[in-house]
Amino acid sequence: MYPLESKIENQTFVLNHIEEKLKSHGFVIGPNWDFDHGSFDLLMANDHGYQYLRLPFKVSSGSLDMDGAVIQFKTPYLLTHVYNKGLDDNIGLEGNATASINQFQEPIEADANVPGKYQKKGREILKLVESYLT
């Protein structure tokens, strides 16, 4: 994980107002959301692992499943996941339903070092995000 300083940190926004802006630039709601927190994730590249820019937030009013929810951004960061290639060795130990969904191996490194070129790219993308959100 590589934290980034940002003008959006601690800023509050109505989720409905910024969600479409972020999605139109390739961001998606990250998989680890709950009613009181979440993140917008952007896959920057998938060489030498998956390179993400993550914009984490907490809900300061309402909940993520409600119109008008207000979010407050936390410190943005870059994240690298390095995965094994191929099928998961544990498929034979799981049931058919689970194996049909989870075919791929666990990451070699879930929080690997972020290569320098992606640190630079992440900072550039974050500057663009700041310009269309603030």
C-alpha atoms as a PDB file:
ATOM      1  CA  MET A   1       0.000   0.000   0.000  1.00  0.00           C
ATOM      2  CA  TYR A   2       1.274   3.423  -0.996  1.00  0.00           C
ATOM      3  CA  PRO A   3      -0.674   6.351   0.575  1.00  0.00           C
ATOM      4  CA  LEU A   4      -1.167   9.543  -1.442  1.00  0.00           C
ATOM      5  CA  GLU A   5      -1.758  13.080  -0.206  1.00  0.00           C
ATOM      6  CA  SER A   6      -4.912  14.531  -1.716  1.00  0.00           C
ATOM      7  CA  LYS A   7      -7.224  17.533  -1.660  1.00  0.00           C
ATOM      8  CA  ILE A   8     -10.216  15.186  -1.436  1.00  0.00           C
ATOM      9  CA  GLU A   9      -9.100  13.671   1.887  1.00  0.00           C
ATOM     10  CA  ASN A  10     -11.641  14.580   4.598  1.00  0.00           C
ATOM     11  CA  GLN A  11     -13.896  16.245   1.985  1.00  0.00           C
ATOM     12  CA  THR A  12     -17.581  15.290   2.037  1.00  0.00           C
ATOM     13  CA  PHE A  13     -19.734  14.649  -1.029  1.00  0.00           C
ATOM     14  CA  VAL A  14     -23.223  13.408  -1.764  1.00  0.00           C
ATOM     15  CA  LEU A  15     -22.556   9.936  -3.168  1.00  0.00           C
ATOM     16  CA  ASN A  16     -25.166  10.214  -5.953  1.00  0.00           C
ATOM     17  CA  HIS A  17     -23.513  13.415  -7.218  1.00  0.00           C
ATOM     18  CA  ILE A  18     -20.005  12.000  -7.607  1.00  0.00           C
ATOM     19  CA  GLU A  19     -20.616   8.323  -8.347  1.00  0.00           C
ATOM     20  CA  GLU A  20     -21.412   8.854 -12.050  1.00  0.00           C
ATOM     21  CA  LYS A  21     -18.411  11.196 -12.461  1.00  0.00           C
ATOM     22  CA  LEU A  22     -16.053   8.592 -11.018  1.00  0.00           C
ATOM     23  CA  LYS A  23     -17.630   5.693 -12.927  1.00  0.00           C
ATOM     24  CA  SER A  24     -17.308   7.612 -16.204  1.00  0.00           C
ATOM     25  CA  HIS A  25     -13.547   7.705 -15.553  1.00  0.00           C
ATOM     26  CA  GLY A  26     -13.271   3.958 -14.940  1.00  0.00           C
ATOM     27  CA  PHE A  27     -13.773   3.753 -11.171  1.00  0.00           C
ATOM     28  CA  VAL A  28     -15.998   1.079  -9.635  1.00  0.00           C
ATOM     29  CA  ILE A  29     -17.290   0.604  -6.108  1.00  0.00           C
ATOM     30  CA  GLY A  30     -14.731  -1.712  -4.507  1.00  0.00           C
ATOM     31  CA  PRO A  31     -15.690  -5.186  -3.319  1.00  0.00           C
ATOM     32  CA  ASN A  32     -15.147  -4.514   0.397  1.00  0.00           C
ATOM     33  CA  TRP A  33     -18.015  -2.063   0.882  1.00  0.00           C
ATOM     34  CA  ASP A  34     -20.525  -2.122   3.707  1.00  0.00           C
ATOM     35  CA  PHE A  35     -23.363   0.223   4.623  1.00  0.00           C
ATOM     36  CA  ASP A  36     -21.012   2.570   6.505  1.00  0.00           C
ATOM     37  CA  HIS A  37     -17.850   2.506   4.356  1.00  0.00           C
ATOM     38  CA  GLY A  38     -16.434   1.595   0.961  1.00  0.00           C
ATOM     39  CA  SER A  39     -14.073   2.689  -1.767  1.00  0.00           C
ATOM     40  CA  PHE A  40     -13.893   3.661  -5.397  1.00  0.00           C
ATOM     41  CA  ASP A  41     -11.287   1.543  -7.185  1.00  0.00           C
ATOM     42  CA  LEU A  42      -9.555   2.077 -10.511  1.00  0.00           C
ATOM     43  CA  LEU A  43      -7.576  -0.731 -12.146  1.00  0.00           C
ATOM     44  CA  MET A  44      -4.605   1.153 -13.632  1.00  0.00           C
ATOM     45  CA  ALA A  45      -2.771  -1.862 -15.089  1.00  0.00           C
ATOM     46  CA  ASN A  46      -2.405  -5.624 -14.792  1.00  0.00           C
ATOM     47  CA  ASP A  47       1.273  -6.231 -15.488  1.00  0.00           C
ATOM     48  CA  HIS A  48       3.428  -7.593 -12.664  1.00  0.00           C
ATOM     49  CA  GLY A  49       0.217  -7.796 -10.627  1.00  0.00           C
ATOM     50  CA  TYR A  50      -2.919  -5.692 -10.542  1.00  0.00           C
ATOM     51  CA  GLN A  51      -2.250  -1.992  -9.942  1.00  0.00           C
ATOM     52  CA  TYR A  52      -5.111  -0.108  -8.262  1.00  0.00           C
ATOM     53  CA  LEU A  53      -5.833   3.448  -7.218  1.00  0.00           C
ATOM     54  CA  ARG A  54      -8.233   3.233  -4.268  1.00  0.00           C
ATOM     55  CA  LEU A  55     -10.299   6.116  -2.893  1.00  0.00           C
ATOM     56  CA  PRO A  56     -11.588   4.873   0.476  1.00  0.00           C
ATOM     57  CA  PHE A  57     -14.484   6.613   2.210  1.00  0.00           C
ATOM     58  CA  LYS A  58     -16.746   6.400   5.218  1.00  0.00           C
ATOM     59  CA  VAL A  59     -20.423   7.256   5.230  1.00  0.00           C
ATOM     60  CA  SER A  60     -21.050  10.333   7.350  1.00  0.00           C
ATOM     61  CA  SER A  61     -24.831  10.545   6.774  1.00  0.00           C
ATOM     62  CA  GLY A  62     -27.268   7.829   5.710  1.00  0.00           C
ATOM     63  CA  SER A  63     -26.023   4.513   4.351  1.00  0.00           C
ATOM     64  CA  LEU A  64     -24.680   3.346   1.005  1.00  0.00           C
ATOM     65  CA  ASP A  65     -28.001   1.805   0.015  1.00  0.00           C
ATOM     66  CA  MET A  66     -29.878   5.129   0.445  1.00  0.00           C
ATOM     67  CA  ASP A  67     -30.282   8.030  -1.965  1.00  0.00           C
ATOM     68  CA  GLY A  68     -28.574  11.113  -0.613  1.00  0.00           C
ATOM     69  CA  ALA A  69     -25.906   9.287   1.400  1.00  0.00           C
ATOM     70  CA  VAL A  70     -23.031  11.610   2.282  1.00  0.00           C
ATOM     71  CA  ILE A  71     -19.502  10.222   2.196  1.00  0.00           C
ATOM     72  CA  GLN A  72     -16.207  11.525   3.517  1.00  0.00           C
ATOM     73  CA  PHE A  73     -13.023  10.474   1.726  1.00  0.00           C
ATOM     74  CA  LYS A  74     -10.130   9.030   3.685  1.00  0.00           C
ATOM     75  CA  THR A  75      -6.501   8.892   2.508  1.00  0.00           C
ATOM     76  CA  PRO A  76      -6.291   7.612  -1.095  1.00  0.00           C
ATOM     77  CA  TYR A  77      -3.687   4.952  -1.805  1.00  0.00           C
ATOM     78  CA  LEU A  78      -2.154   2.725  -4.449  1.00  0.00           C
ATOM     79  CA  LEU A  79      -2.338  -1.023  -4.119  1.00  0.00           C
ATOM     80  CA  THR A  80      -0.613  -3.895  -5.938  1.00  0.00           C
ATOM     81  CA  HIS A  81      -1.908  -7.466  -5.892  1.00  0.00           C
ATOM     82  CA  VAL A  82       0.401 -10.159  -7.309  1.00  0.00           C
ATOM     83  CA  TYR A  83      -1.502 -13.349  -8.169  1.00  0.00           C
ATOM     84  CA  ASN A  84      -0.459 -16.884  -9.059  1.00  0.00           C
ATOM     85  CA  LYS A  85      -1.452 -17.847 -12.563  1.00  0.00           C
ATOM     86  CA  GLY A  86      -3.487 -20.968 -13.170  1.00  0.00           C
ATOM     87  CA  LEU A  87      -6.136 -22.867 -11.307  1.00  0.00           C
ATOM     88  CA  ASP A  88      -6.400 -23.105  -7.556  1.00  0.00           C
ATOM     89  CA  ASP A  89      -4.817 -26.214  -6.037  1.00  0.00           C
ATOM     90  CA  ASN A  90      -7.705 -26.462  -3.536  1.00  0.00           C
ATOM     91  CA  ILE A  91     -10.516 -26.856  -6.092  1.00  0.00           C
ATOM     92  CA  GLY A  92     -10.779 -30.587  -5.462  1.00  0.00           C
ATOM     93  CA  LEU A  93     -11.295 -29.924  -1.763  1.00  0.00           C
ATOM     94  CA  GLU A  94     -14.194 -27.511  -2.286  1.00  0.00           C
ATOM     95  CA  GLY A  95     -17.742 -28.147  -3.360  1.00  0.00           C
ATOM     96  CA  ASN A  96     -18.711 -27.790  -7.027  1.00  0.00           C
ATOM     97  CA  ALA A  97     -20.628 -24.539  -6.479  1.00  0.00           C
ATOM     98  CA  THR A  98     -17.687 -22.828  -4.756  1.00  0.00           C
ATOM     99  CA  ALA A  99     -15.151 -24.199  -7.225  1.00  0.00           C
ATOM    100  CA  SER A 100     -17.110 -22.877 -10.200  1.00  0.00           C
ATOM    101  CA  ILE A 101     -16.867 -19.333  -8.809  1.00  0.00           C
ATOM    102  CA  ASN A 102     -13.425 -19.321  -7.145  1.00  0.00           C
ATOM    103  CA  GLN A 103     -11.182 -20.916  -9.755  1.00  0.00           C
ATOM    104  CA  PHE A 104      -8.089 -18.833  -9.239  1.00  0.00           C
ATOM    105  CA  GLN A 105      -5.363 -19.053  -6.650  1.00  0.00           C
ATOM    106  CA  GLU A 106      -4.912 -16.796  -3.673  1.00  0.00           C
ATOM    107  CA  PRO A 107      -2.568 -13.841  -4.235  1.00  0.00           C
ATOM    108  CA  ILE A 108       1.170 -14.395  -3.838  1.00  0.00           C
ATOM    109  CA  GLU A 109       1.284 -10.906  -2.318  1.00  0.00           C
ATOM    110  CA  ALA A 110      -1.998  -9.146  -1.526  1.00  0.00           C
ATOM    111  CA  ASP A 111      -0.154  -5.925  -0.652  1.00  0.00           C
ATOM    112  CA  ALA A 112       3.006  -5.927  -2.781  1.00  0.00           C
ATOM    113  CA  ASN A 113       5.247  -2.908  -3.335  1.00  0.00           C
ATOM    114  CA  VAL A 114       3.853  -0.453  -5.868  1.00  0.00           C
ATOM    115  CA  PRO A 115       6.318   0.009  -8.780  1.00  0.00           C
ATOM    116  CA  GLY A 116       7.604   3.575  -9.266  1.00  0.00           C
ATOM    117  CA  LYS A 117       5.935   4.072 -12.646  1.00  0.00           C
ATOM    118  CA  TYR A 118       2.542   3.310 -11.049  1.00  0.00           C
ATOM    119  CA  GLN A 119       3.247   5.643  -8.136  1.00  0.00           C
ATOM    120  CA  LYS A 120       3.683   8.416 -10.716  1.00  0.00           C
ATOM    121  CA  LYS A 121       0.650   7.339 -12.751  1.00  0.00           C
ATOM    122  CA  GLY A 122      -1.488   7.099  -9.600  1.00  0.00           C
ATOM    123  CA  ARG A 123      -0.550  10.631  -8.513  1.00  0.00           C
ATOM    124  CA  GLU A 124      -1.406  11.949 -12.007  1.00  0.00           C
ATOM    125  CA  ILE A 125      -4.800  10.223 -12.021  1.00  0.00           C
ATOM    126  CA  LEU A 126      -5.525  11.480  -8.509  1.00  0.00           C
ATOM    127  CA  LYS A 127      -4.843  15.074  -9.649  1.00  0.00           C
ATOM    128  CA  LEU A 128      -7.457  14.585 -12.384  1.00  0.00           C
ATOM    129  CA  VAL A 129      -9.921  13.190  -9.829  1.00  0.00           C
ATOM    130  CA  GLU A 130      -9.346  16.234  -7.630  1.00  0.00           C
ATOM    131  CA  SER A 131     -10.002  18.556 -10.579  1.00  0.00           C
ATOM    132  CA  TYR A 132     -13.400  17.095 -11.394  1.00  0.00           C
ATOM    133  CA  LEU A 133     -14.537  16.612  -7.796  1.00  0.00           C
ATOM    134  CA  THR A 134     -13.447  19.930  -6.258  1.00  0.00           C
END
